[in-house]
Amino acid sequence: MSIIDLIEKTTFSSSEKEAVNYILSQGYNVHNLTLKQMSKKSYTSPATFVRVAQRLGFKG
């Protein structure tokens, strides 16, 4: 299952949706950014990105 499929099947809070939309809009460019940079640009907190990853089943 692709990450896009996981995102479509997962329910997110409004702030988590902002984080997901930012990730999707940036595509492969996110691998050059830190959580702090992404959170600043998406007006969310770094913890929001961590929660998104956890909801998608990632650990660590």
Protein backbone atom coordinates (compact mmCIF):
# COMPACT_ATOMS: atom_id res chain seq x y z
CA MET A 1 0.00 0.00 0.00
CA SER A 2 1.39 3.40 -0.94
CA ILE A 3 1.63 6.31 1.46
CA ILE A 4 -1.01 8.16 -0.57
CA ASP A 5 -3.43 5.27 0.02
CA LEU A 6 -2.64 5.35 3.74
CA ILE A 7 -3.27 9.09 3.88
CA GLU A 8 -6.60 8.76 2.06
CA LYS A 9 -7.79 6.06 4.48
CA THR A 10 -6.72 7.86 7.66
CA THR A 11 -8.74 10.42 9.58
CA PHE A 12 -6.78 13.49 10.68
CA SER A 13 -7.53 16.49 12.90
CA SER A 14 -7.57 19.93 11.28
CA SER A 15 -3.95 20.70 12.21
CA GLU A 16 -2.85 17.26 11.03
CA LYS A 17 -4.63 17.90 7.73
CA GLU A 18 -2.57 21.09 7.34
CA ALA A 19 0.62 19.09 7.88
CA VAL A 20 -0.46 16.38 5.43
CA ASN A 21 -1.41 18.97 2.81
CA TYR A 22 1.98 20.62 3.20
CA ILE A 23 3.79 17.30 2.77
CA LEU A 24 1.74 16.46 -0.32
CA SER A 25 2.27 19.90 -1.83
CA GLN A 26 6.05 19.68 -1.39
CA GLY A 27 6.44 16.15 -2.73
CA TYR A 28 10.03 14.95 -2.76
CA ASN A 29 11.31 18.32 -1.51
CA VAL A 30 10.37 17.42 2.07
CA HIS A 31 13.41 15.18 2.40
CA ASN A 32 15.55 18.34 2.47
CA LEU A 33 13.57 19.92 5.32
CA THR A 34 13.60 19.41 9.07
CA LEU A 35 10.45 19.05 11.14
CA LYS A 36 11.04 22.53 12.51
CA GLN A 37 11.25 24.01 9.00
CA MET A 38 8.14 22.16 7.82
CA SER A 39 6.16 23.17 10.88
CA LYS A 40 7.15 26.81 10.48
CA LYS A 41 6.12 26.85 6.81
CA SER A 42 2.84 25.02 7.45
CA TYR A 43 1.98 26.98 10.63
CA THR A 44 1.79 23.82 12.73
CA SER A 45 4.00 22.32 15.44
CA PRO A 46 6.69 19.67 14.98
CA ALA A 47 4.59 17.39 17.19
CA THR A 48 1.82 17.54 14.59
CA PHE A 49 4.09 15.94 12.01
CA VAL A 50 5.08 13.28 14.53
CA ARG A 51 1.40 12.52 15.21
CA VAL A 52 0.73 12.25 11.46
CA ALA A 53 3.58 9.77 11.10
CA GLN A 54 2.30 7.76 14.06
CA ARG A 55 -1.25 7.67 12.66
CA LEU A 56 0.20 6.31 9.42
CA GLY A 57 1.88 3.49 11.36
CA PHE A 58 5.46 4.75 11.47
CA LYS A 59 7.46 4.26 14.64
CA GLY A 60 10.65 5.74 15.98
